[in-house]
PDB file of N, CA and C in Angstrom:
ATOM      1  N   MET A   1     103.831  77.999  82.562  1.00  0.00           N
ATOM      2  CA  MET A   1     105.024  78.816  82.522  1.00  0.00           C
ATOM      3  C   MET A   1     105.627  78.930  83.914  1.00  0.00           C
ATOM      4  N   THR A   2     106.888  78.677  84.011  1.00  0.00           N
ATOM      5  CA  THR A   2     107.599  78.865  85.268  1.00  0.00           C
ATOM      6  C   THR A   2     108.310  80.212  85.208  1.00  0.00           C
ATOM      7  N   PRO A   3     108.023  81.092  86.156  1.00  0.00           N
ATOM      8  CA  PRO A   3     108.648  82.411  86.098  1.00  0.00           C
ATOM      9  C   PRO A   3     110.136  82.352  86.445  1.00  0.00           C
ATOM     10  N   GLY A   4     110.870  83.295  85.884  1.00  0.00           N
ATOM     11  CA  GLY A   4     112.296  83.400  86.141  1.00  0.00           C
ATOM     12  C   GLY A   4     112.714  84.856  86.179  1.00  0.00           C
ATOM     13  N   PRO A   5     114.001  85.123  86.312  1.00  0.00           N
ATOM     14  CA  PRO A   5     114.487  86.495  86.422  1.00  0.00           C
ATOM     15  C   PRO A   5     114.099  87.406  85.255  1.00  0.00           C
ATOM     16  N   ALA A   6     113.889  86.854  84.073  1.00  0.00           N
ATOM     17  CA  ALA A   6     113.527  87.675  82.909  1.00  0.00           C
ATOM     18  C   ALA A   6     112.018  87.862  82.759  1.00  0.00           C
ATOM     19  N   SER A   7     111.226  87.274  83.641  1.00  0.00           N
ATOM     20  CA  SER A   7     109.765  87.364  83.538  1.00  0.00           C
ATOM     21  C   SER A   7     109.290  88.793  83.811  1.00  0.00           C
ATOM     22  N   THR A   8     108.254  89.183  83.083  1.00  0.00           N
ATOM     23  CA  THR A   8     107.640  90.491  83.308  1.00  0.00           C
ATOM     24  C   THR A   8     106.657  90.404  84.465  1.00  0.00           C
ATOM     25  N   ALA A   9     106.240  91.555  84.945  1.00  0.00           N
ATOM     26  CA  ALA A   9     105.234  91.589  86.005  1.00  0.00           C
ATOM     27  C   ALA A   9     103.955  90.895  85.550  1.00  0.00           C
ATOM     28  N   GLU A  10     103.562  91.127  84.310  1.00  0.00           N
ATOM     29  CA  GLU A  10     102.342  90.521  83.786  1.00  0.00           C
ATOM     30  C   GLU A  10     102.453  88.995  83.746  1.00  0.00           C
ATOM     31  N   GLU A  11     103.600  88.493  83.327  1.00  0.00           N
ATOM     32  CA  GLU A  11     103.801  87.040  83.289  1.00  0.00           C
ATOM     33  C   GLU A  11     103.767  86.444  84.690  1.00  0.00           C
ATOM     34  N   ILE A  12     104.359  87.141  85.630  1.00  0.00           N
ATOM     35  CA  ILE A  12     104.371  86.654  87.012  1.00  0.00           C
ATOM     36  C   ILE A  12     102.961  86.656  87.588  1.00  0.00           C
ATOM     37  N   ILE A  13     102.203  87.711  87.325  1.00  0.00           N
ATOM     38  CA  ILE A  13     100.822  87.777  87.815  1.00  0.00           C
ATOM     39  C   ILE A  13      99.993  86.655  87.210  1.00  0.00           C
ATOM     40  N   GLU A  14     100.200  86.363  85.948  1.00  0.00           N
ATOM     41  CA  GLU A  14      99.502  85.243  85.307  1.00  0.00           C
ATOM     42  C   GLU A  14      99.823  83.939  86.034  1.00  0.00           C
ATOM     43  N   HIS A  15     101.102  83.754  86.389  1.00  0.00           N
ATOM     44  CA  HIS A  15     101.513  82.558  87.126  1.00  0.00           C
ATOM     45  C   HIS A  15     100.850  82.524  88.507  1.00  0.00           C
ATOM     46  N   LEU A  16     100.806  83.662  89.179  1.00  0.00           N
ATOM     47  CA  LEU A  16     100.182  83.729  90.502  1.00  0.00           C
ATOM     48  C   LEU A  16      98.694  83.383  90.415  1.00  0.00           C
ATOM     49  N   ARG A  17      98.030  83.887  89.399  1.00  0.00           N
ATOM     50  CA  ARG A  17      96.595  83.586  89.223  1.00  0.00           C
ATOM     51  C   ARG A  17      96.373  82.079  89.070  1.00  0.00           C
ATOM     52  N   ALA A  18      97.274  81.406  88.366  1.00  0.00           N
ATOM     53  CA  ALA A  18      97.149  79.963  88.151  1.00  0.00           C
ATOM     54  C   ALA A  18      97.308  79.183  89.458  1.00  0.00           C
ATOM     55  N   LEU A  19      98.037  79.746  90.415  1.00  0.00           N
ATOM     56  CA  LEU A  19      98.277  79.075  91.690  1.00  0.00           C
ATOM     57  C   LEU A  19      97.219  79.407  92.749  1.00  0.00           C
ATOM     58  N   GLY A  20      96.337  80.357  92.463  1.00  0.00           N
ATOM     59  CA  GLY A  20      95.376  80.856  93.442  1.00  0.00           C
ATOM     60  C   GLY A  20      94.452  79.794  94.002  1.00  0.00           C
ATOM     61  N   SER A  21      93.893  80.092  95.173  1.00  0.00           N
ATOM     62  CA  SER A  21      93.018  79.144  95.865  1.00  0.00           C
ATOM     63  C   SER A  21      91.931  79.898  96.624  1.00  0.00           C
ATOM     64  N   ASP A  22      90.670  79.616  96.283  1.00  0.00           N
ATOM     65  CA  ASP A  22      89.553  80.226  97.010  1.00  0.00           C
ATOM     66  C   ASP A  22      89.541  79.785  98.471  1.00  0.00           C
ATOM     67  N   GLU A  23      89.959  78.569  98.723  1.00  0.00           N
ATOM     68  CA  GLU A  23      90.023  78.064 100.100  1.00  0.00           C
ATOM     69  C   GLU A  23      91.014  78.890 100.924  1.00  0.00           C
ATOM     70  N   ASN A  24      92.162  79.212 100.328  1.00  0.00           N
ATOM     71  CA  ASN A  24      93.150  80.039 101.028  1.00  0.00           C
ATOM     72  C   ASN A  24      92.614  81.448 101.282  1.00  0.00           C
ATOM     73  N   ILE A  25      91.853  81.982 100.339  1.00  0.00           N
ATOM     74  CA  ILE A  25      91.272  83.322 100.527  1.00  0.00           C
ATOM     75  C   ILE A  25      90.353  83.322 101.741  1.00  0.00           C
ATOM     76  N   ALA A  26      89.548  82.296 101.883  1.00  0.00           N
ATOM     77  CA  ALA A  26      88.651  82.193 103.037  1.00  0.00           C
ATOM     78  C   ALA A  26      89.449  82.127 104.340  1.00  0.00           C
ATOM     79  N   GLY A  27      90.553  81.401 104.327  1.00  0.00           N
ATOM     80  CA  GLY A  27      91.407  81.315 105.508  1.00  0.00           C
ATOM     81  C   GLY A  27      92.043  82.647 105.852  1.00  0.00           C
ATOM     82  N   MET A  28      92.456  83.385 104.838  1.00  0.00           N
ATOM     83  CA  MET A  28      93.050  84.709 105.069  1.00  0.00           C
ATOM     84  C   MET A  28      92.053  85.637 105.746  1.00  0.00           C
ATOM     85  N   ALA A  29      90.817  85.606 105.281  1.00  0.00           N
ATOM     86  CA  ALA A  29      89.784  86.480 105.837  1.00  0.00           C
ATOM     87  C   ALA A  29      89.589  86.211 107.331  1.00  0.00           C
ATOM     88  N   ARG A  30      89.715  84.953 107.724  1.00  0.00           N
ATOM     89  CA  ARG A  30      89.566  84.611 109.147  1.00  0.00           C
ATOM     90  C   ARG A  30      90.660  85.233 110.004  1.00  0.00           C
ATOM     91  N   PHE A  31      91.810  85.573 109.396  1.00  0.00           N
ATOM     92  CA  PHE A  31      92.914  86.185 110.133  1.00  0.00           C
ATOM     93  C   PHE A  31      92.959  87.698 109.951  1.00  0.00           C
ATOM     94  N   GLY A  32      91.905  88.272 109.402  1.00  0.00           N
ATOM     95  CA  GLY A  32      91.822  89.715 109.268  1.00  0.00           C
ATOM     96  C   GLY A  32      92.634  90.291 108.120  1.00  0.00           C
ATOM     97  N   ILE A  33      92.969  89.467 107.152  1.00  0.00           N
ATOM     98  CA  ILE A  33      93.706  89.917 105.977  1.00  0.00           C
ATOM     99  C   ILE A  33      92.699  90.422 104.955  1.00  0.00           C
ATOM    100  N   ALA A  34      92.962  91.582 104.384  1.00  0.00           N
ATOM    101  CA  ALA A  34      92.086  92.122 103.345  1.00  0.00           C
ATOM    102  C   ALA A  34      92.187  91.227 102.111  1.00  0.00           C
ATOM    103  N   THR A  35      91.049  90.701 101.675  1.00  0.00           N
ATOM    104  CA  THR A  35      91.062  89.719 100.588  1.00  0.00           C
ATOM    105  C   THR A  35      90.395  90.212  99.302  1.00  0.00           C
ATOM    106  N   GLU A  36      90.041  91.483  99.235  1.00  0.00           N
ATOM    107  CA  GLU A  36      89.337  91.993  98.052  1.00  0.00           C
ATOM    108  C   GLU A  36      90.118  91.754  96.762  1.00  0.00           C
ATOM    109  N   THR A  37      91.426  91.832  96.825  1.00  0.00           N
ATOM    110  CA  THR A  37      92.257  91.641  95.627  1.00  0.00           C
ATOM    111  C   THR A  37      93.124  90.393  95.727  1.00  0.00           C
ATOM    112  N   ALA A  38      92.840  89.539  96.696  1.00  0.00           N
ATOM    113  CA  ALA A  38      93.675  88.353  96.934  1.00  0.00           C
ATOM    114  C   ALA A  38      93.417  87.267  95.894  1.00  0.00           C
ATOM    115  N   LEU A  39      94.482  86.557  95.580  1.00  0.00           N
ATOM    116  CA  LEU A  39      94.402  85.409  94.676  1.00  0.00           C
ATOM    117  C   LEU A  39      94.392  84.097  95.450  1.00  0.00           C
ATOM    118  N   GLY A  40      94.856  84.131  96.688  1.00  0.00           N
ATOM    119  CA  GLY A  40      94.820  82.944  97.534  1.00  0.00           C
ATOM    120  C   GLY A  40      96.118  82.170  97.602  1.00  0.00           C
ATOM    121  N   LEU A  41      97.245  82.867  97.576  1.00  0.00           N
ATOM    122  CA  LEU A  41      98.544  82.201  97.719  1.00  0.00           C
ATOM    123  C   LEU A  41      99.095  82.461  99.109  1.00  0.00           C
ATOM    124  N   SER A  42      99.769  81.467  99.650  1.00  0.00           N
ATOM    125  CA  SER A  42     100.406  81.620 100.953  1.00  0.00           C
ATOM    126  C   SER A  42     101.729  82.359 100.791  1.00  0.00           C
ATOM    127  N   ASN A  43     102.236  82.863 101.880  1.00  0.00           N
ATOM    128  CA  ASN A  43     103.550  83.517 101.840  1.00  0.00           C
ATOM    129  C   ASN A  43     104.652  82.523 101.497  1.00  0.00           C
ATOM    130  N   VAL A  44     104.473  81.269 101.857  1.00  0.00           N
ATOM    131  CA  VAL A  44     105.447  80.233 101.481  1.00  0.00           C
ATOM    132  C   VAL A  44     105.519  80.131  99.958  1.00  0.00           C
ATOM    133  N   GLN A  45     104.364  80.099  99.309  1.00  0.00           N
ATOM    134  CA  GLN A  45     104.334  80.044  97.846  1.00  0.00           C
ATOM    135  C   GLN A  45     104.958  81.301  97.239  1.00  0.00           C
ATOM    136  N   LEU A  46     104.652  82.453  97.830  1.00  0.00           N
ATOM    137  CA  LEU A  46     105.188  83.713  97.305  1.00  0.00           C
ATOM    138  C   LEU A  46     106.703  83.797  97.471  1.00  0.00           C
ATOM    139  N   ARG A  47     107.204  83.316  98.582  1.00  0.00           N
ATOM    140  CA  ARG A  47     108.668  83.316  98.788  1.00  0.00           C
ATOM    141  C   ARG A  47     109.342  82.398  97.764  1.00  0.00           C
ATOM    142  N   ARG A  48     108.697  81.303  97.433  1.00  0.00           N
ATOM    143  CA  ARG A  48     109.227  80.392  96.423  1.00  0.00           C
ATOM    144  C   ARG A  48     109.311  81.100  95.064  1.00  0.00           C
ATOM    145  N   VAL A  49     108.264  81.821  94.704  1.00  0.00           N
ATOM    146  CA  VAL A  49     108.263  82.580  93.449  1.00  0.00           C
ATOM    147  C   VAL A  49     109.329  83.672  93.504  1.00  0.00           C
ATOM    148  N   ALA A  50     109.459  84.340  94.637  1.00  0.00           N
ATOM    149  CA  ALA A  50     110.474  85.396  94.783  1.00  0.00           C
ATOM    150  C   ALA A  50     111.875  84.846  94.537  1.00  0.00           C
ATOM    151  N   ARG A  51     112.147  83.653  95.026  1.00  0.00           N
ATOM    152  CA  ARG A  51     113.469  83.043  94.790  1.00  0.00           C
ATOM    153  C   ARG A  51     113.676  82.737  93.303  1.00  0.00           C
ATOM    154  N   MET A  52     112.598  82.399  92.611  1.00  0.00           N
ATOM    155  CA  MET A  52     112.715  82.088  91.182  1.00  0.00           C
ATOM    156  C   MET A  52     112.938  83.342  90.338  1.00  0.00           C
ATOM    157  N   VAL A  53     112.275  84.437  90.697  1.00  0.00           N
ATOM    158  CA  VAL A  53     112.338  85.632  89.843  1.00  0.00           C
ATOM    159  C   VAL A  53     113.458  86.598  90.233  1.00  0.00           C
ATOM    160  N   LYS A  54     113.981  86.453  91.431  1.00  0.00           N
ATOM    161  CA  LYS A  54     115.102  87.283  91.900  1.00  0.00           C
ATOM    162  C   LYS A  54     114.696  88.758  92.059  1.00  0.00           C
ATOM    163  N   THR A  55     115.649  89.568  92.475  1.00  0.00           N
ATOM    164  CA  THR A  55     115.433  90.996  92.685  1.00  0.00           C
ATOM    165  C   THR A  55     115.413  91.741  91.362  1.00  0.00           C
ATOM    166  N   ASP A  56     114.415  92.580  91.198  1.00  0.00           N
ATOM    167  CA  ASP A  56     114.302  93.456  90.031  1.00  0.00           C
ATOM    168  C   ASP A  56     113.417  94.621  90.462  1.00  0.00           C
ATOM    169  N   HIS A  57     114.039  95.759  90.760  1.00  0.00           N
ATOM    170  CA  HIS A  57     113.299  96.873  91.349  1.00  0.00           C
ATOM    171  C   HIS A  57     112.234  97.425  90.407  1.00  0.00           C
ATOM    172  N   ALA A  58     112.576  97.598  89.146  1.00  0.00           N
ATOM    173  CA  ALA A  58     111.597  98.133  88.190  1.00  0.00           C
ATOM    174  C   ALA A  58     110.383  97.212  88.078  1.00  0.00           C
ATOM    175  N   ARG A  59     110.624  95.917  88.029  1.00  0.00           N
ATOM    176  CA  ARG A  59     109.520  94.954  87.958  1.00  0.00           C
ATOM    177  C   ARG A  59     108.716  94.972  89.259  1.00  0.00           C
ATOM    178  N   ALA A  60     109.393  95.132  90.388  1.00  0.00           N
ATOM    179  CA  ALA A  60     108.700  95.208  91.674  1.00  0.00           C
ATOM    180  C   ALA A  60     107.740  96.401  91.696  1.00  0.00           C
ATOM    181  N   LEU A  61     108.151  97.516  91.119  1.00  0.00           N
ATOM    182  CA  LEU A  61     107.265  98.683  91.042  1.00  0.00           C
ATOM    183  C   LEU A  61     106.034  98.360  90.204  1.00  0.00           C
ATOM    184  N   ASP A  62     106.220  97.635  89.109  1.00  0.00           N
ATOM    185  CA  ASP A  62     105.089  97.222  88.267  1.00  0.00           C
ATOM    186  C   ASP A  62     104.170  96.259  89.017  1.00  0.00           C
ATOM    187  N   LEU A  63     104.757  95.324  89.753  1.00  0.00           N
ATOM    188  CA  LEU A  63     103.950  94.390  90.541  1.00  0.00           C
ATOM    189  C   LEU A  63     103.114  95.156  91.561  1.00  0.00           C
ATOM    190  N   TRP A  64     103.721  96.128  92.216  1.00  0.00           N
ATOM    191  CA  TRP A  64     103.008  96.899  93.232  1.00  0.00           C
ATOM    192  C   TRP A  64     101.810  97.622  92.635  1.00  0.00           C
ATOM    193  N   THR A  65     101.986  98.233  91.482  1.00  0.00           N
ATOM    194  CA  THR A  65     100.901  99.031  90.897  1.00  0.00           C
ATOM    195  C   THR A  65      99.716  98.180  90.454  1.00  0.00           C
ATOM    196  N   SER A  66      99.879  96.874  90.385  1.00  0.00           N
ATOM    197  CA  SER A  66      98.750  96.003  90.002  1.00  0.00           C
ATOM    198  C   SER A  66      97.638  96.050  91.035  1.00  0.00           C
ATOM    199  N   GLY A  67      97.991  96.329  92.290  1.00  0.00           N
ATOM    200  CA  GLY A  67      97.003  96.354  93.359  1.00  0.00           C
ATOM    201  C   GLY A  67      96.622  94.979  93.888  1.00  0.00           C
ATOM    202  N   ILE A  68      97.150  93.935  93.311  1.00  0.00           N
ATOM    203  CA  ILE A  68      96.840  92.565  93.730  1.00  0.00           C
ATOM    204  C   ILE A  68      97.648  92.232  94.980  1.00  0.00           C
ATOM    205  N   ARG A  69      96.982  91.664  95.973  1.00  0.00           N
ATOM    206  CA  ARG A  69      97.636  91.352  97.254  1.00  0.00           C
ATOM    207  C   ARG A  69      98.942  90.606  97.052  1.00  0.00           C
ATOM    208  N   GLU A  70      98.905  89.494  96.351  1.00  0.00           N
ATOM    209  CA  GLU A  70     100.098  88.666  96.188  1.00  0.00           C
ATOM    210  C   GLU A  70     101.181  89.378  95.378  1.00  0.00           C
ATOM    211  N   ALA A  71     100.781  90.137  94.381  1.00  0.00           N
ATOM    212  CA  ALA A  71     101.758  90.883  93.583  1.00  0.00           C
ATOM    213  C   ALA A  71     102.430  91.948  94.441  1.00  0.00           C
ATOM    214  N   ARG A  72     101.681  92.563  95.330  1.00  0.00           N
ATOM    215  CA  ARG A  72     102.277  93.571  96.223  1.00  0.00           C
ATOM    216  C   ARG A  72     103.255  92.922  97.205  1.00  0.00           C
ATOM    217  N   LEU A  73     102.888  91.792  97.748  1.00  0.00           N
ATOM    218  CA  LEU A  73     103.816  91.111  98.652  1.00  0.00           C
ATOM    219  C   LEU A  73     105.070  90.680  97.893  1.00  0.00           C
ATOM    220  N   LEU A  74     104.885  90.156  96.695  1.00  0.00           N
ATOM    221  CA  LEU A  74     106.032  89.758  95.873  1.00  0.00           C
ATOM    222  C   LEU A  74     106.882  90.969  95.523  1.00  0.00           C
ATOM    223  N   ALA A  75     106.254  92.106  95.303  1.00  0.00           N
ATOM    224  CA  ALA A  75     107.001  93.337  95.041  1.00  0.00           C
ATOM    225  C   ALA A  75     107.908  93.662  96.226  1.00  0.00           C
ATOM    226  N   ALA A  76     107.381  93.536  97.424  1.00  0.00           N
ATOM    227  CA  ALA A  76     108.189  93.807  98.613  1.00  0.00           C
ATOM    228  C   ALA A  76     109.331  92.802  98.760  1.00  0.00           C
ATOM    229  N   PHE A  77     109.090  91.551  98.377  1.00  0.00           N
ATOM    230  CA  PHE A  77     110.134  90.524  98.457  1.00  0.00           C
ATOM    231  C   PHE A  77     111.230  90.733  97.415  1.00  0.00           C
ATOM    232  N   THR A  78     110.898  91.348  96.267  1.00  0.00           N
ATOM    233  CA  THR A  78     111.849  91.413  95.162  1.00  0.00           C
ATOM    234  C   THR A  78     112.330  92.822  94.830  1.00  0.00           C
ATOM    235  N   ALA A  79     111.864  93.826  95.552  1.00  0.00           N
ATOM    236  CA  ALA A  79     112.359  95.189  95.355  1.00  0.00           C
ATOM    237  C   ALA A  79     113.784  95.281  95.881  1.00  0.00           C
ATOM    238  N   ASP A  80     114.536  96.213  95.370  1.00  0.00           N
ATOM    239  CA  ASP A  80     115.913  96.421  95.816  1.00  0.00           C
ATOM    240  C   ASP A  80     115.941  97.540  96.846  1.00  0.00           C
ATOM    241  N   PRO A  81     116.167  97.221  98.111  1.00  0.00           N
ATOM    242  CA  PRO A  81     116.140  98.260  99.148  1.00  0.00           C
ATOM    243  C   PRO A  81     117.202  99.338  98.932  1.00  0.00           C
ATOM    244  N   LYS A  82     118.245  99.021  98.185  1.00  0.00           N
ATOM    245  CA  LYS A  82     119.305 100.002  97.946  1.00  0.00           C
ATOM    246  C   LYS A  82     118.874 101.096  96.978  1.00  0.00           C
ATOM    247  N   VAL A  83     117.870 100.816  96.143  1.00  0.00           N
ATOM    248  CA  VAL A  83     117.409 101.833  95.196  1.00  0.00           C
ATOM    249  C   VAL A  83     115.986 102.314  95.490  1.00  0.00           C
ATOM    250  N   LEU A  84     115.352 101.749  96.506  1.00  0.00           N
ATOM    251  CA  LEU A  84     114.032 102.202  96.913  1.00  0.00           C
ATOM    252  C   LEU A  84     114.133 103.647  97.382  1.00  0.00           C
ATOM    253  N   THR A  85     113.339 104.519  96.787  1.00  0.00           N
ATOM    254  CA  THR A  85     113.386 105.932  97.170  1.00  0.00           C
ATOM    255  C   THR A  85     112.421 106.191  98.320  1.00  0.00           C
ATOM    256  N   LEU A  86     112.632 107.308  98.979  1.00  0.00           N
ATOM    257  CA  LEU A  86     111.734 107.709 100.050  1.00  0.00           C
ATOM    258  C   LEU A  86     110.324 107.924  99.500  1.00  0.00           C
ATOM    259  N   ALA A  87     110.208 108.506  98.329  1.00  0.00           N
ATOM    260  CA  ALA A  87     108.890 108.729  97.712  1.00  0.00           C
ATOM    261  C   ALA A  87     108.186 107.403  97.434  1.00  0.00           C
ATOM    262  N   GLU A  88     108.919 106.413  96.925  1.00  0.00           N
ATOM    263  CA  GLU A  88     108.325 105.095  96.675  1.00  0.00           C
ATOM    264  C   GLU A  88     107.870 104.461  97.983  1.00  0.00           C
ATOM    265  N   ALA A  89     108.708 104.542  99.005  1.00  0.00           N
ATOM    266  CA  ALA A  89     108.361 103.962 100.303  1.00  0.00           C
ATOM    267  C   ALA A  89     107.100 104.622 100.865  1.00  0.00           C
ATOM    268  N   ARG A  90     107.015 105.921 100.750  1.00  0.00           N
ATOM    269  CA  ARG A  90     105.827 106.630 101.245  1.00  0.00           C
ATOM    270  C   ARG A  90     104.585 106.241 100.445  1.00  0.00           C
ATOM    271  N   GLN A  91     104.741 106.132  99.142  1.00  0.00           N
ATOM    272  CA  GLN A  91     103.612 105.737  98.296  1.00  0.00           C
ATOM    273  C   GLN A  91     103.129 104.347  98.684  1.00  0.00           C
ATOM    274  N   TRP A  92     104.058 103.409  98.852  1.00  0.00           N
ATOM    275  CA  TRP A  92     103.689 102.050  99.232  1.00  0.00           C
ATOM    276  C   TRP A  92     103.034 102.035 100.616  1.00  0.00           C
ATOM    277  N   ALA A  93     103.611 102.770 101.554  1.00  0.00           N
ATOM    278  CA  ALA A  93     103.062 102.796 102.909  1.00  0.00           C
ATOM    279  C   ALA A  93     101.630 103.341 102.903  1.00  0.00           C
ATOM    280  N   ASN A  94     101.398 104.382 102.127  1.00  0.00           N
ATOM    281  CA  ASN A  94     100.055 104.975 102.062  1.00  0.00           C
ATOM    282  C   ASN A  94      99.037 104.052 101.404  1.00  0.00           C
ATOM    283  N   ALA A  95      99.498 103.115 100.583  1.00  0.00           N
ATOM    284  CA  ALA A  95      98.595 102.221  99.862  1.00  0.00           C
ATOM    285  C   ALA A  95      98.329 100.915 100.597  1.00  0.00           C
ATOM    286  N   CYS A  96      98.963 100.685 101.727  1.00  0.00           N
ATOM    287  CA  CYS A  96      98.773  99.434 102.463  1.00  0.00           C
ATOM    288  C   CYS A  96      97.342  99.342 102.971  1.00  0.00           C
ATOM    289  N   ASN A  97      96.720  98.188 102.729  1.00  0.00           N
ATOM    290  CA  ASN A  97      95.328  98.005 103.137  1.00  0.00           C
ATOM    291  C   ASN A  97      95.131  96.820 104.083  1.00  0.00           C
ATOM    292  N   SER A  98      96.225  96.235 104.538  1.00  0.00           N
ATOM    293  CA  SER A  98      96.118  95.067 105.402  1.00  0.00           C
ATOM    294  C   SER A  98      97.366  94.974 106.283  1.00  0.00           C
ATOM    295  N   TRP A  99      97.190  94.473 107.481  1.00  0.00           N
ATOM    296  CA  TRP A  99      98.303  94.387 108.418  1.00  0.00           C
ATOM    297  C   TRP A  99      99.454  93.566 107.855  1.00  0.00           C
ATOM    298  N   GLU A 100      99.162  92.522 107.095  1.00  0.00           N
ATOM    299  CA  GLU A 100     100.234  91.668 106.586  1.00  0.00           C
ATOM    300  C   GLU A 100     101.061  92.374 105.521  1.00  0.00           C
ATOM    301  N   VAL A 101     100.433  93.246 104.741  1.00  0.00           N
ATOM    302  CA  VAL A 101     101.180  94.021 103.755  1.00  0.00           C
ATOM    303  C   VAL A 101     102.073  95.020 104.487  1.00  0.00           C
ATOM    304  N   VAL A 102     101.551  95.634 105.529  1.00  0.00           N
ATOM    305  CA  VAL A 102     102.343  96.557 106.343  1.00  0.00           C
ATOM    306  C   VAL A 102     103.570  95.839 106.903  1.00  0.00           C
ATOM    307  N   ASP A 103     103.373  94.670 107.478  1.00  0.00           N
ATOM    308  CA  ASP A 103     104.495  93.905 108.043  1.00  0.00           C
ATOM    309  C   ASP A 103     105.540  93.584 106.982  1.00  0.00           C
ATOM    310  N   THR A 104     105.085  93.231 105.795  1.00  0.00           N
ATOM    311  CA  THR A 104     106.008  92.830 104.726  1.00  0.00           C
ATOM    312  C   THR A 104     106.799  94.016 104.197  1.00  0.00           C
ATOM    313  N   VAL A 105     106.134  95.135 103.927  1.00  0.00           N
ATOM    314  CA  VAL A 105     106.878  96.291 103.412  1.00  0.00           C
ATOM    315  C   VAL A 105     107.756  96.901 104.495  1.00  0.00           C
ATOM    316  N   ALA A 106     107.368  96.753 105.754  1.00  0.00           N
ATOM    317  CA  ALA A 106     108.207  97.252 106.841  1.00  0.00           C
ATOM    318  C   ALA A 106     109.568  96.562 106.830  1.00  0.00           C
ATOM    319  N   ASP A 107     109.575  95.268 106.541  1.00  0.00           N
ATOM    320  CA  ASP A 107     110.848  94.540 106.428  1.00  0.00           C
ATOM    321  C   ASP A 107     111.709  95.123 105.314  1.00  0.00           C
ATOM    322  N   LEU A 108     111.095  95.470 104.201  1.00  0.00           N
ATOM    323  CA  LEU A 108     111.829  96.081 103.086  1.00  0.00           C
ATOM    324  C   LEU A 108     112.346  97.454 103.496  1.00  0.00           C
ATOM    325  N   PHE A 109     111.520  98.253 104.146  1.00  0.00           N
ATOM    326  CA  PHE A 109     111.913  99.619 104.509  1.00  0.00           C
ATOM    327  C   PHE A 109     113.072  99.636 105.491  1.00  0.00           C
ATOM    328  N   VAL A 110     113.088  98.690 106.410  1.00  0.00           N
ATOM    329  CA  VAL A 110     114.151  98.633 107.416  1.00  0.00           C
ATOM    330  C   VAL A 110     115.435  98.175 106.750  1.00  0.00           C
TER     331      VAL A 110
END
């Protein structure tokens, strides 16, 4: 399945799982990235998926709540900064468990 703008968070996560790589997870750990929930996708791969699925704030919230590293990064790439609330931003900031997630959501917050 190729994800698109009408894809649900669950469908997108299924697609991300299919692309995962244990080798990439090992590489992430070497750079101090929290890998407990990682599937092993690079940011290049995630940006490609983000371009396919487009912006959808409600879906981004669902992706974030999955707790999966790649889904959270994709949530930050596809959330709508114009409708992101202060409460949502605070919730996301408090849930960050890795420097790379912090860097990614910081771009959304700014």
